PDB file of N, CA and C in Angstrom:
ATOM      1  N   GLN A   1     -18.285  12.744 -64.874  1.00  0.00           N
ATOM      2  CA  GLN A   1     -18.730  11.365 -65.130  1.00  0.00           C
ATOM      3  C   GLN A   1     -19.108  10.704 -63.811  1.00  0.00           C
ATOM      4  N   VAL A   2     -20.319  10.165 -63.756  1.00  0.00           N
ATOM      5  CA  VAL A   2     -20.784   9.478 -62.563  1.00  0.00           C
ATOM      6  C   VAL A   2     -20.076   8.135 -62.456  1.00  0.00           C
ATOM      7  N   ARG A   3     -19.535   7.874 -61.287  1.00  0.00           N
ATOM      8  CA  ARG A   3     -18.807   6.630 -61.105  1.00  0.00           C
ATOM      9  C   ARG A   3     -19.046   6.101 -59.698  1.00  0.00           C
ATOM     10  N   LEU A   4     -19.214   4.772 -59.622  1.00  0.00           N
ATOM     11  CA  LEU A   4     -19.349   4.073 -58.350  1.00  0.00           C
ATOM     12  C   LEU A   4     -18.335   2.940 -58.324  1.00  0.00           C
ATOM     13  N   VAL A   5     -17.561   2.847 -57.260  1.00  0.00           N
ATOM     14  CA  VAL A   5     -16.533   1.820 -57.167  1.00  0.00           C
ATOM     15  C   VAL A   5     -16.690   1.067 -55.850  1.00  0.00           C
ATOM     16  N   GLU A   6     -17.029  -0.213 -55.958  1.00  0.00           N
ATOM     17  CA  GLU A   6     -17.208  -1.053 -54.778  1.00  0.00           C
ATOM     18  C   GLU A   6     -15.910  -1.762 -54.416  1.00  0.00           C
ATOM     19  N   SER A   7     -15.794  -2.089 -53.144  1.00  0.00           N
ATOM     20  CA  SER A   7     -14.662  -2.876 -52.666  1.00  0.00           C
ATOM     21  C   SER A   7     -15.054  -3.569 -51.370  1.00  0.00           C
ATOM     22  N   GLY A   8     -14.225  -4.513 -50.945  1.00  0.00           N
ATOM     23  CA  GLY A   8     -14.434  -5.152 -49.654  1.00  0.00           C
ATOM     24  C   GLY A   8     -14.954  -6.573 -49.689  1.00  0.00           C
ATOM     25  N   GLY A   9     -15.255  -7.070 -50.870  1.00  0.00           N
ATOM     26  CA  GLY A   9     -15.744  -8.436 -50.958  1.00  0.00           C
ATOM     27  C   GLY A   9     -14.655  -9.446 -50.670  1.00  0.00           C
ATOM     28  N   GLY A  10     -15.059 -10.708 -50.601  1.00  0.00           N
ATOM     29  CA  GLY A  10     -14.079 -11.762 -50.351  1.00  0.00           C
ATOM     30  C   GLY A  10     -14.743 -13.074 -50.022  1.00  0.00           C
ATOM     31  N   LEU A  11     -13.920 -14.021 -49.598  1.00  0.00           N
ATOM     32  CA  LEU A  11     -14.379 -15.353 -49.203  1.00  0.00           C
ATOM     33  C   LEU A  11     -14.375 -15.433 -47.685  1.00  0.00           C
ATOM     34  N   VAL A  12     -15.516 -15.740 -47.112  1.00  0.00           N
ATOM     35  CA  VAL A  12     -15.629 -15.865 -45.665  1.00  0.00           C
ATOM     36  C   VAL A  12     -16.402 -17.135 -45.328  1.00  0.00           C
ATOM     37  N   GLN A  13     -16.298 -17.529 -44.075  1.00  0.00           N
ATOM     38  CA  GLN A  13     -17.043 -18.694 -43.598  1.00  0.00           C
ATOM     39  C   GLN A  13     -18.396 -18.248 -43.055  1.00  0.00           C
ATOM     40  N   PRO A  14     -19.355 -19.157 -43.011  1.00  0.00           N
ATOM     41  CA  PRO A  14     -20.658 -18.814 -42.414  1.00  0.00           C
ATOM     42  C   PRO A  14     -20.494 -18.261 -41.005  1.00  0.00           C
ATOM     43  N   GLY A  15     -21.256 -17.221 -40.711  1.00  0.00           N
ATOM     44  CA  GLY A  15     -21.192 -16.593 -39.400  1.00  0.00           C
ATOM     45  C   GLY A  15     -20.244 -15.418 -39.313  1.00  0.00           C
ATOM     46  N   GLU A  16     -19.373 -15.284 -40.289  1.00  0.00           N
ATOM     47  CA  GLU A  16     -18.416 -14.183 -40.266  1.00  0.00           C
ATOM     48  C   GLU A  16     -19.027 -12.900 -40.843  1.00  0.00           C
ATOM     49  N   SER A  17     -18.239 -11.831 -40.801  1.00  0.00           N
ATOM     50  CA  SER A  17     -18.713 -10.512 -41.233  1.00  0.00           C
ATOM     51  C   SER A  17     -17.821  -9.954 -42.337  1.00  0.00           C
ATOM     52  N   LEU A  18     -18.392  -9.048 -43.104  1.00  0.00           N
ATOM     53  CA  LEU A  18     -17.662  -8.287 -44.106  1.00  0.00           C
ATOM     54  C   LEU A  18     -18.246  -6.889 -44.145  1.00  0.00           C
ATOM     55  N   ARG A  19     -17.408  -5.912 -44.517  1.00  0.00           N
ATOM     56  CA  ARG A  19     -17.907  -4.566 -44.756  1.00  0.00           C
ATOM     57  C   ARG A  19     -17.539  -4.153 -46.171  1.00  0.00           C
ATOM     58  N   LEU A  20     -18.559  -3.864 -46.947  1.00  0.00           N
ATOM     59  CA  LEU A  20     -18.360  -3.390 -48.304  1.00  0.00           C
ATOM     60  C   LEU A  20     -18.375  -1.861 -48.315  1.00  0.00           C
ATOM     61  N   SER A  21     -17.616  -1.304 -49.240  1.00  0.00           N
ATOM     62  CA  SER A  21     -17.580   0.143 -49.421  1.00  0.00           C
ATOM     63  C   SER A  21     -17.898   0.474 -50.870  1.00  0.00           C
ATOM     64  N   CYS A  22     -18.473   1.634 -51.067  1.00  0.00           N
ATOM     65  CA  CYS A  22     -18.766   2.119 -52.414  1.00  0.00           C
ATOM     66  C   CYS A  22     -18.457   3.611 -52.438  1.00  0.00           C
ATOM     67  N   VAL A  23     -17.452   3.967 -53.221  1.00  0.00           N
ATOM     68  CA  VAL A  23     -17.058   5.370 -53.344  1.00  0.00           C
ATOM     69  C   VAL A  23     -17.713   5.964 -54.577  1.00  0.00           C
ATOM     70  N   ALA A  24     -18.383   7.080 -54.390  1.00  0.00           N
ATOM     71  CA  ALA A  24     -19.113   7.737 -55.473  1.00  0.00           C
ATOM     72  C   ALA A  24     -18.391   8.997 -55.936  1.00  0.00           C
ATOM     73  N   SER A  25     -18.526   9.298 -57.206  1.00  0.00           N
ATOM     74  CA  SER A  25     -17.961  10.531 -57.750  1.00  0.00           C
ATOM     75  C   SER A  25     -18.785  10.977 -58.952  1.00  0.00           C
ATOM     76  N   GLY A  26     -18.669  12.257 -59.286  1.00  0.00           N
ATOM     77  CA  GLY A  26     -19.350  12.772 -60.470  1.00  0.00           C
ATOM     78  C   GLY A  26     -20.733  13.344 -60.215  1.00  0.00           C
ATOM     79  N   PHE A  27     -21.173  13.341 -58.983  1.00  0.00           N
ATOM     80  CA  PHE A  27     -22.462  13.933 -58.644  1.00  0.00           C
ATOM     81  C   PHE A  27     -22.437  14.356 -57.178  1.00  0.00           C
ATOM     82  N   THR A  28     -23.424  15.136 -56.775  1.00  0.00           N
ATOM     83  CA  THR A  28     -23.482  15.611 -55.388  1.00  0.00           C
ATOM     84  C   THR A  28     -24.046  14.504 -54.510  1.00  0.00           C
ATOM     85  N   PHE A  29     -23.145  13.743 -53.943  1.00  0.00           N
ATOM     86  CA  PHE A  29     -23.481  12.515 -53.207  1.00  0.00           C
ATOM     87  C   PHE A  29     -24.541  12.757 -52.138  1.00  0.00           C
ATOM     88  N   SER A  30     -24.438  13.868 -51.435  1.00  0.00           N
ATOM     89  CA  SER A  30     -25.326  14.112 -50.288  1.00  0.00           C
ATOM     90  C   SER A  30     -26.781  14.306 -50.683  1.00  0.00           C
ATOM     91  N   LYS A  31     -27.044  14.487 -51.949  1.00  0.00           N
ATOM     92  CA  LYS A  31     -28.416  14.765 -52.390  1.00  0.00           C
ATOM     93  C   LYS A  31     -29.137  13.540 -52.941  1.00  0.00           C
ATOM     94  N   TYR A  32     -28.459  12.395 -52.946  1.00  0.00           N
ATOM     95  CA  TYR A  32     -29.042  11.215 -53.587  1.00  0.00           C
ATOM     96  C   TYR A  32     -29.068  10.007 -52.675  1.00  0.00           C
ATOM     97  N   GLY A  33     -30.109   9.200 -52.857  1.00  0.00           N
ATOM     98  CA  GLY A  33     -30.151   7.922 -52.178  1.00  0.00           C
ATOM     99  C   GLY A  33     -29.207   6.928 -52.818  1.00  0.00           C
ATOM    100  N   MET A  34     -28.798   5.956 -52.047  1.00  0.00           N
ATOM    101  CA  MET A  34     -27.910   4.910 -52.517  1.00  0.00           C
ATOM    102  C   MET A  34     -28.497   3.560 -52.113  1.00  0.00           C
ATOM    103  N   THR A  35     -28.307   2.578 -52.949  1.00  0.00           N
ATOM    104  CA  THR A  35     -28.855   1.247 -52.696  1.00  0.00           C
ATOM    105  C   THR A  35     -27.789   0.192 -52.950  1.00  0.00           C
ATOM    106  N   TRP A  36     -27.777  -0.814 -52.098  1.00  0.00           N
ATOM    107  CA  TRP A  36     -26.961  -2.005 -52.350  1.00  0.00           C
ATOM    108  C   TRP A  36     -27.840  -3.072 -53.007  1.00  0.00           C
ATOM    109  N   TYR A  37     -27.318  -3.664 -54.077  1.00  0.00           N
ATOM    110  CA  TYR A  37     -27.965  -4.742 -54.799  1.00  0.00           C
ATOM    111  C   TYR A  37     -27.061  -5.973 -54.739  1.00  0.00           C
ATOM    112  N   ARG A  38     -27.640  -7.107 -55.071  1.00  0.00           N
ATOM    113  CA  ARG A  38     -26.829  -8.308 -55.225  1.00  0.00           C
ATOM    114  C   ARG A  38     -27.406  -9.188 -56.320  1.00  0.00           C
ATOM    115  N   GLN A  39     -26.520  -9.943 -56.910  1.00  0.00           N
ATOM    116  CA  GLN A  39     -26.926 -10.877 -57.947  1.00  0.00           C
ATOM    117  C   GLN A  39     -26.222 -12.206 -57.717  1.00  0.00           C
ATOM    118  N   ALA A  40     -27.014 -13.203 -57.376  1.00  0.00           N
ATOM    119  CA  ALA A  40     -26.490 -14.540 -57.175  1.00  0.00           C
ATOM    120  C   ALA A  40     -26.448 -15.263 -58.517  1.00  0.00           C
ATOM    121  N   PRO A  41     -25.612 -16.289 -58.647  1.00  0.00           N
ATOM    122  CA  PRO A  41     -25.535 -17.028 -59.910  1.00  0.00           C
ATOM    123  C   PRO A  41     -26.904 -17.550 -60.325  1.00  0.00           C
ATOM    124  N   GLY A  42     -27.265 -17.284 -61.575  1.00  0.00           N
ATOM    125  CA  GLY A  42     -28.525 -17.777 -62.099  1.00  0.00           C
ATOM    126  C   GLY A  42     -29.754 -17.004 -61.651  1.00  0.00           C
ATOM    127  N   SER A  43     -29.540 -15.888 -60.960  1.00  0.00           N
ATOM    128  CA  SER A  43     -30.665 -15.105 -60.445  1.00  0.00           C
ATOM    129  C   SER A  43     -30.625 -13.673 -60.973  1.00  0.00           C
ATOM    130  N   GLU A  44     -31.749 -13.008 -60.844  1.00  0.00           N
ATOM    131  CA  GLU A  44     -31.828 -11.601 -61.215  1.00  0.00           C
ATOM    132  C   GLU A  44     -31.161 -10.751 -60.135  1.00  0.00           C
ATOM    133  N   ARG A  45     -30.701  -9.587 -60.531  1.00  0.00           N
ATOM    134  CA  ARG A  45     -30.185  -8.640 -59.558  1.00  0.00           C
ATOM    135  C   ARG A  45     -31.343  -8.157 -58.687  1.00  0.00           C
ATOM    136  N   GLU A  46     -31.121  -8.107 -57.379  1.00  0.00           N
ATOM    137  CA  GLU A  46     -32.172  -7.664 -56.474  1.00  0.00           C
ATOM    138  C   GLU A  46     -31.652  -6.563 -55.558  1.00  0.00           C
ATOM    139  N   ALA A  47     -32.533  -5.641 -55.225  1.00  0.00           N
ATOM    140  CA  ALA A  47     -32.191  -4.622 -54.239  1.00  0.00           C
ATOM    141  C   ALA A  47     -32.184  -5.262 -52.857  1.00  0.00           C
ATOM    142  N   VAL A  48     -31.202  -4.900 -52.059  1.00  0.00           N
ATOM    143  CA  VAL A  48     -31.060  -5.483 -50.727  1.00  0.00           C
ATOM    144  C   VAL A  48     -31.430  -4.469 -49.656  1.00  0.00           C
ATOM    145  N   ILE A  49     -30.796  -3.327 -49.686  1.00  0.00           N
ATOM    146  CA  ILE A  49     -31.019  -2.313 -48.669  1.00  0.00           C
ATOM    147  C   ILE A  49     -30.593  -0.964 -49.227  1.00  0.00           C
ATOM    148  N   GLY A  50     -31.338   0.086 -48.880  1.00  0.00           N
ATOM    149  CA  GLY A  50     -31.032   1.414 -49.388  1.00  0.00           C
ATOM    150  C   GLY A  50     -31.027   2.448 -48.292  1.00  0.00           C
ATOM    151  N   ILE A  51     -30.409   3.586 -48.607  1.00  0.00           N
ATOM    152  CA  ILE A  51     -30.387   4.709 -47.669  1.00  0.00           C
ATOM    153  C   ILE A  51     -30.651   5.975 -48.469  1.00  0.00           C
ATOM    154  N   VAL A  52     -31.644   6.731 -48.045  1.00  0.00           N
ATOM    155  CA  VAL A  52     -31.972   7.953 -48.746  1.00  0.00           C
ATOM    156  C   VAL A  52     -31.063   9.086 -48.269  1.00  0.00           C
ATOM    157  N   TYR A  53     -31.127  10.219 -48.929  1.00  0.00           N
ATOM    158  CA  TYR A  53     -30.211  11.306 -48.610  1.00  0.00           C
ATOM    159  C   TYR A  53     -30.378  11.790 -47.170  1.00  0.00           C
ATOM    160  N   SER A  54     -31.582  11.618 -46.623  1.00  0.00           N
ATOM    161  CA  SER A  54     -31.843  12.050 -45.246  1.00  0.00           C
ATOM    162  C   SER A  54     -31.304  11.068 -44.217  1.00  0.00           C
ATOM    163  N   GLY A  55     -30.931   9.879 -44.667  1.00  0.00           N
ATOM    164  CA  GLY A  55     -30.430   8.861 -43.756  1.00  0.00           C
ATOM    165  C   GLY A  55     -31.424   7.762 -43.449  1.00  0.00           C
ATOM    166  N   ALA A  56     -32.652   7.897 -43.899  1.00  0.00           N
ATOM    167  CA  ALA A  56     -33.640   6.842 -43.666  1.00  0.00           C
ATOM    168  C   ALA A  56     -33.241   5.575 -44.413  1.00  0.00           C
ATOM    169  N   ILE A  57     -33.532   4.447 -43.789  1.00  0.00           N
ATOM    170  CA  ILE A  57     -33.137   3.149 -44.316  1.00  0.00           C
ATOM    171  C   ILE A  57     -34.344   2.450 -44.943  1.00  0.00           C
ATOM    172  N   ILE A  58     -34.113   1.785 -46.063  1.00  0.00           N
ATOM    173  CA  ILE A  58     -35.154   0.994 -46.704  1.00  0.00           C
ATOM    174  C   ILE A  58     -34.639  -0.434 -46.844  1.00  0.00           C
ATOM    175  N   ASN A  59     -35.318  -1.360 -46.226  1.00  0.00           N
ATOM    176  CA  ASN A  59     -34.977  -2.784 -46.330  1.00  0.00           C
ATOM    177  C   ASN A  59     -35.826  -3.442 -47.405  1.00  0.00           C
ATOM    178  N   TYR A  60     -35.175  -4.158 -48.315  1.00  0.00           N
ATOM    179  CA  TYR A  60     -35.884  -4.808 -49.411  1.00  0.00           C
ATOM    180  C   TYR A  60     -35.944  -6.322 -49.242  1.00  0.00           C
ATOM    181  N   VAL A  61     -35.058  -6.882 -48.448  1.00  0.00           N
ATOM    182  CA  VAL A  61     -34.965  -8.333 -48.291  1.00  0.00           C
ATOM    183  C   VAL A  61     -35.106  -8.681 -46.817  1.00  0.00           C
ATOM    184  N   ASP A  62     -36.145  -9.441 -46.481  1.00  0.00           N
ATOM    185  CA  ASP A  62     -36.407  -9.752 -45.077  1.00  0.00           C
ATOM    186  C   ASP A  62     -35.265 -10.543 -44.441  1.00  0.00           C
ATOM    187  N   SER A  63     -34.637 -11.411 -45.214  1.00  0.00           N
ATOM    188  CA  SER A  63     -33.638 -12.306 -44.631  1.00  0.00           C
ATOM    189  C   SER A  63     -32.378 -11.588 -44.146  1.00  0.00           C
ATOM    190  N   VAL A  64     -32.173 -10.351 -44.554  1.00  0.00           N
ATOM    191  CA  VAL A  64     -30.978  -9.631 -44.117  1.00  0.00           C
ATOM    192  C   VAL A  64     -31.302  -8.524 -43.129  1.00  0.00           C
ATOM    193  N   LYS A  65     -32.553  -8.340 -42.822  1.00  0.00           N
ATOM    194  CA  LYS A  65     -33.005  -7.179 -42.050  1.00  0.00           C
ATOM    195  C   LYS A  65     -32.263  -7.002 -40.737  1.00  0.00           C
ATOM    196  N   ASP A  66     -31.982  -8.067 -40.047  1.00  0.00           N
ATOM    197  CA  ASP A  66     -31.307  -7.959 -38.744  1.00  0.00           C
ATOM    198  C   ASP A  66     -29.817  -8.233 -38.831  1.00  0.00           C
ATOM    199  N   ARG A  67     -29.309  -8.415 -40.046  1.00  0.00           N
ATOM    200  CA  ARG A  67     -27.902  -8.767 -40.205  1.00  0.00           C
ATOM    201  C   ARG A  67     -27.102  -7.733 -40.991  1.00  0.00           C
ATOM    202  N   PHE A  68     -27.748  -7.038 -41.916  1.00  0.00           N
ATOM    203  CA  PHE A  68     -27.045  -6.086 -42.773  1.00  0.00           C
ATOM    204  C   PHE A  68     -27.391  -4.662 -42.346  1.00  0.00           C
ATOM    205  N   LEU A  69     -26.361  -3.820 -42.307  1.00  0.00           N
ATOM    206  CA  LEU A  69     -26.534  -2.421 -41.949  1.00  0.00           C
ATOM    207  C   LEU A  69     -25.930  -1.540 -43.035  1.00  0.00           C
ATOM    208  N   ILE A  70     -26.649  -0.509 -43.416  1.00  0.00           N
ATOM    209  CA  ILE A  70     -26.152   0.429 -44.417  1.00  0.00           C
ATOM    210  C   ILE A  70     -25.894   1.768 -43.740  1.00  0.00           C
ATOM    211  N   SER A  71     -24.855   2.436 -44.174  1.00  0.00           N
ATOM    212  CA  SER A  71     -24.541   3.758 -43.653  1.00  0.00           C
ATOM    213  C   SER A  71     -23.845   4.561 -44.745  1.00  0.00           C
ATOM    214  N   ARG A  72     -23.746   5.871 -44.527  1.00  0.00           N
ATOM    215  CA  ARG A  72     -23.092   6.712 -45.525  1.00  0.00           C
ATOM    216  C   ARG A  72     -22.229   7.754 -44.820  1.00  0.00           C
ATOM    217  N   ASP A  73     -21.134   8.099 -45.465  1.00  0.00           N
ATOM    218  CA  ASP A  73     -20.218   9.120 -44.968  1.00  0.00           C
ATOM    219  C   ASP A  73     -20.155  10.208 -46.027  1.00  0.00           C
ATOM    220  N   GLU A  74     -20.775  11.343 -45.730  1.00  0.00           N
ATOM    221  CA  GLU A  74     -20.845  12.417 -46.719  1.00  0.00           C
ATOM    222  C   GLU A  74     -19.469  13.006 -47.011  1.00  0.00           C
ATOM    223  N   ASP A  75     -18.615  13.023 -45.998  1.00  0.00           N
ATOM    224  CA  ASP A  75     -17.276  13.603 -46.192  1.00  0.00           C
ATOM    225  C   ASP A  75     -16.433  12.769 -47.151  1.00  0.00           C
ATOM    226  N   LYS A  76     -16.698  11.473 -47.178  1.00  0.00           N
ATOM    227  CA  LYS A  76     -15.910  10.559 -48.021  1.00  0.00           C
ATOM    228  C   LYS A  76     -16.659  10.126 -49.266  1.00  0.00           C
ATOM    229  N   ASN A  77     -17.887  10.642 -49.463  1.00  0.00           N
ATOM    230  CA  ASN A  77     -18.711  10.221 -50.620  1.00  0.00           C
ATOM    231  C   ASN A  77     -18.790   8.702 -50.701  1.00  0.00           C
ATOM    232  N   THR A  78     -19.019   8.078 -49.575  1.00  0.00           N
ATOM    233  CA  THR A  78     -18.963   6.624 -49.495  1.00  0.00           C
ATOM    234  C   THR A  78     -20.190   6.081 -48.792  1.00  0.00           C
ATOM    235  N   VAL A  79     -20.699   4.981 -49.317  1.00  0.00           N
ATOM    236  CA  VAL A  79     -21.764   4.237 -48.657  1.00  0.00           C
ATOM    237  C   VAL A  79     -21.203   2.868 -48.289  1.00  0.00           C
ATOM    238  N   TYR A  80     -21.588   2.394 -47.126  1.00  0.00           N
ATOM    239  CA  TYR A  80     -21.066   1.133 -46.601  1.00  0.00           C
ATOM    240  C   TYR A  80     -22.192   0.117 -46.451  1.00  0.00           C
ATOM    241  N   LEU A  81     -21.807  -1.145 -46.524  1.00  0.00           N
ATOM    242  CA  LEU A  81     -22.721  -2.234 -46.196  1.00  0.00           C
ATOM    243  C   LEU A  81     -21.998  -3.149 -45.219  1.00  0.00           C
ATOM    244  N   GLN A  82     -22.427  -3.105 -43.968  1.00  0.00           N
ATOM    245  CA  GLN A  82     -21.894  -3.996 -42.941  1.00  0.00           C
ATOM    246  C   GLN A  82     -22.742  -5.267 -42.944  1.00  0.00           C
ATOM    247  N   MET A  83     -22.111  -6.373 -43.230  1.00  0.00           N
ATOM    248  CA  MET A  83     -22.817  -7.644 -43.317  1.00  0.00           C
ATOM    249  C   MET A  83     -22.337  -8.555 -42.198  1.00  0.00           C
ATOM    250  N   ASN A  84     -23.246  -8.921 -41.324  1.00  0.00           N
ATOM    251  CA  ASN A  84     -22.933  -9.765 -40.183  1.00  0.00           C
ATOM    252  C   ASN A  84     -23.631 -11.113 -40.316  1.00  0.00           C
ATOM    253  N   SER A  85     -23.112 -12.082 -39.585  1.00  0.00           N
ATOM    254  CA  SER A  85     -23.707 -13.423 -39.576  1.00  0.00           C
ATOM    255  C   SER A  85     -23.993 -13.913 -40.992  1.00  0.00           C
ATOM    256  N   LEU A  86     -22.999 -13.844 -41.822  1.00  0.00           N
ATOM    257  CA  LEU A  86     -23.183 -14.200 -43.233  1.00  0.00           C
ATOM    258  C   LEU A  86     -23.547 -15.671 -43.393  1.00  0.00           C
ATOM    259  N   GLU A  87     -24.382 -15.913 -44.385  1.00  0.00           N
ATOM    260  CA  GLU A  87     -24.877 -17.257 -44.689  1.00  0.00           C
ATOM    261  C   GLU A  87     -24.502 -17.612 -46.127  1.00  0.00           C
ATOM    262  N   PRO A  88     -24.410 -18.900 -46.438  1.00  0.00           N
ATOM    263  CA  PRO A  88     -24.092 -19.275 -47.827  1.00  0.00           C
ATOM    264  C   PRO A  88     -25.054 -18.648 -48.844  1.00  0.00           C
ATOM    265  N   GLU A  89     -26.304 -18.432 -48.429  1.00  0.00           N
ATOM    266  CA  GLU A  89     -27.301 -17.841 -49.333  1.00  0.00           C
ATOM    267  C   GLU A  89     -27.002 -16.378 -49.653  1.00  0.00           C
ATOM    268  N   ASP A  90     -26.069 -15.775 -48.928  1.00  0.00           N
ATOM    269  CA  ASP A  90     -25.679 -14.395 -49.215  1.00  0.00           C
ATOM    270  C   ASP A  90     -24.625 -14.311 -50.322  1.00  0.00           C
ATOM    271  N   THR A  91     -24.155 -15.444 -50.773  1.00  0.00           N
ATOM    272  CA  THR A  91     -23.159 -15.460 -51.840  1.00  0.00           C
ATOM    273  C   THR A  91     -23.716 -14.801 -53.099  1.00  0.00           C
ATOM    274  N   ALA A  92     -23.007 -13.805 -53.586  1.00  0.00           N
ATOM    275  CA  ALA A  92     -23.470 -13.034 -54.749  1.00  0.00           C
ATOM    276  C   ALA A  92     -22.422 -11.988 -55.110  1.00  0.00           C
ATOM    277  N   VAL A  93     -22.614 -11.381 -56.251  1.00  0.00           N
ATOM    278  CA  VAL A  93     -21.891 -10.153 -56.564  1.00  0.00           C
ATOM    279  C   VAL A  93     -22.725  -8.991 -56.028  1.00  0.00           C
ATOM    280  N   TYR A  94     -22.100  -8.147 -55.246  1.00  0.00           N
ATOM    281  CA  TYR A  94     -22.785  -7.018 -54.629  1.00  0.00           C
ATOM    282  C   TYR A  94     -22.436  -5.725 -55.370  1.00  0.00           C
ATOM    283  N   TYR A  95     -23.456  -4.959 -55.667  1.00  0.00           N
ATOM    284  CA  TYR A  95     -23.313  -3.704 -56.393  1.00  0.00           C
ATOM    285  C   TYR A  95     -23.930  -2.570 -55.573  1.00  0.00           C
ATOM    286  N   CYS A  96     -23.343  -1.413 -55.669  1.00  0.00           N
ATOM    287  CA  CYS A  96     -24.055  -0.238 -55.188  1.00  0.00           C
ATOM    288  C   CYS A  96     -24.635   0.473 -56.402  1.00  0.00           C
ATOM    289  N   GLY A  97     -25.728   1.171 -56.174  1.00  0.00           N
ATOM    290  CA  GLY A  97     -26.396   1.836 -57.271  1.00  0.00           C
ATOM    291  C   GLY A  97     -27.089   3.102 -56.822  1.00  0.00           C
ATOM    292  N   THR A  98     -27.350   3.947 -57.784  1.00  0.00           N
ATOM    293  CA  THR A  98     -28.095   5.163 -57.545  1.00  0.00           C
ATOM    294  C   THR A  98     -28.791   5.576 -58.835  1.00  0.00           C
ATOM    295  N   HIS A  99     -29.628   6.579 -58.728  1.00  0.00           N
ATOM    296  CA  HIS A  99     -30.332   7.088 -59.908  1.00  0.00           C
ATOM    297  C   HIS A  99     -30.084   8.581 -59.981  1.00  0.00           C
ATOM    298  N   VAL A 100     -29.254   8.987 -60.924  1.00  0.00           N
ATOM    299  CA  VAL A 100     -28.901  10.400 -61.049  1.00  0.00           C
ATOM    300  C   VAL A 100     -28.988  10.810 -62.509  1.00  0.00           C
ATOM    301  N   PHE A 101     -29.335  12.071 -62.719  1.00  0.00           N
ATOM    302  CA  PHE A 101     -29.411  12.638 -64.068  1.00  0.00           C
ATOM    303  C   PHE A 101     -30.277  11.773 -64.988  1.00  0.00           C
ATOM    304  N   GLY A 102     -31.333  11.176 -64.425  1.00  0.00           N
ATOM    305  CA  GLY A 102     -32.265  10.399 -65.227  1.00  0.00           C
ATOM    306  C   GLY A 102     -31.844   8.988 -65.555  1.00  0.00           C
ATOM    307  N   SER A 103     -30.734   8.525 -65.001  1.00  0.00           N
ATOM    308  CA  SER A 103     -30.249   7.187 -65.313  1.00  0.00           C
ATOM    309  C   SER A 103     -29.907   6.405 -64.047  1.00  0.00           C
ATOM    310  N   SER A 104     -30.086   5.104 -64.133  1.00  0.00           N
ATOM    311  CA  SER A 104     -29.650   4.227 -63.053  1.00  0.00           C
ATOM    312  C   SER A 104     -28.194   3.858 -63.284  1.00  0.00           C
ATOM    313  N   ILE A 105     -27.418   3.990 -62.241  1.00  0.00           N
ATOM    314  CA  ILE A 105     -25.986   3.746 -62.325  1.00  0.00           C
ATOM    315  C   ILE A 105     -25.592   2.677 -61.308  1.00  0.00           C
ATOM    316  N   TRP A 106     -24.758   1.750 -61.728  1.00  0.00           N
ATOM    317  CA  TRP A 106     -24.194   0.743 -60.816  1.00  0.00           C
ATOM    318  C   TRP A 106     -22.682   0.725 -60.959  1.00  0.00           C
ATOM    319  N   GLY A 107     -22.030   0.236 -59.920  1.00  0.00           N
ATOM    320  CA  GLY A 107     -20.603   0.008 -60.016  1.00  0.00           C
ATOM    321  C   GLY A 107     -20.314  -1.318 -60.680  1.00  0.00           C
ATOM    322  N   GLN A 108     -19.049  -1.722 -60.629  1.00  0.00           N
ATOM    323  CA  GLN A 108     -18.644  -2.971 -61.296  1.00  0.00           C
ATOM    324  C   GLN A 108     -18.932  -4.203 -60.443  1.00  0.00           C
ATOM    325  N   GLY A 109     -19.217  -3.982 -59.175  1.00  0.00           N
ATOM    326  CA  GLY A 109     -19.557  -5.079 -58.284  1.00  0.00           C
ATOM    327  C   GLY A 109     -18.352  -5.651 -57.546  1.00  0.00           C
ATOM    328  N   THR A 110     -18.636  -6.300 -56.430  1.00  0.00           N
ATOM    329  CA  THR A 110     -17.606  -6.983 -55.660  1.00  0.00           C
ATOM    330  C   THR A 110     -18.166  -8.335 -55.221  1.00  0.00           C
ATOM    331  N   GLN A 111     -17.371  -9.375 -55.396  1.00  0.00           N
ATOM    332  CA  GLN A 111     -17.836 -10.737 -55.126  1.00  0.00           C
ATOM    333  C   GLN A 111     -17.776 -11.043 -53.634  1.00  0.00           C
ATOM    334  N   VAL A 112     -18.864 -11.573 -53.127  1.00  0.00           N
ATOM    335  CA  VAL A 112     -18.927 -12.071 -51.751  1.00  0.00           C
ATOM    336  C   VAL A 112     -19.268 -13.553 -51.823  1.00  0.00           C
ATOM    337  N   THR A 113     -18.402 -14.373 -51.255  1.00  0.00           N
ATOM    338  CA  THR A 113     -18.614 -15.811 -51.231  1.00  0.00           C
ATOM    339  C   THR A 113     -18.587 -16.284 -49.790  1.00  0.00           C
ATOM    340  N   VAL A 114     -19.659 -16.958 -49.396  1.00  0.00           N
ATOM    341  CA  VAL A 114     -19.761 -17.482 -48.047  1.00  0.00           C
ATOM    342  C   VAL A 114     -19.770 -19.006 -48.138  1.00  0.00           C
ATOM    343  N   SER A 115     -18.720 -19.621 -47.651  1.00  0.00           N
ATOM    344  CA  SER A 115     -18.571 -21.059 -47.795  1.00  0.00           C
ATOM    345  C   SER A 115     -17.759 -21.621 -46.639  1.00  0.00           C
ATOM    346  N   PRO A 116     -18.142 -22.828 -46.164  1.00  0.00           N
ATOM    347  CA  PRO A 116     -17.370 -23.432 -45.059  1.00  0.00           C
ATOM    348  C   PRO A 116     -15.926 -23.691 -45.469  1.00  0.00           C
TER     349      PRO A 116
END
């Protein structure tokens, strides 16, 4: 069974950092790209940043390009999202996702709230 489990969210002040983790299971992690998504209240879920199996990075949102970093650890089947200089506009539920066996899969999400 394909499973993605996110963790690391929380309440932080503007300018602070958080690192999200997503542990994958049920598929050969090293062969698939992984993407971080977010969904703010009242908005559609959007792709934020992705990493392909080769390690190449894909940025989907200009506003996070110099602040968010994605990485993956093949030994731990984990993808990370390092978020720096957080802004209130980054407040959202963050999901990791992938596309395996013909289906798009997401985890349950982790809440990130940026507030003074």
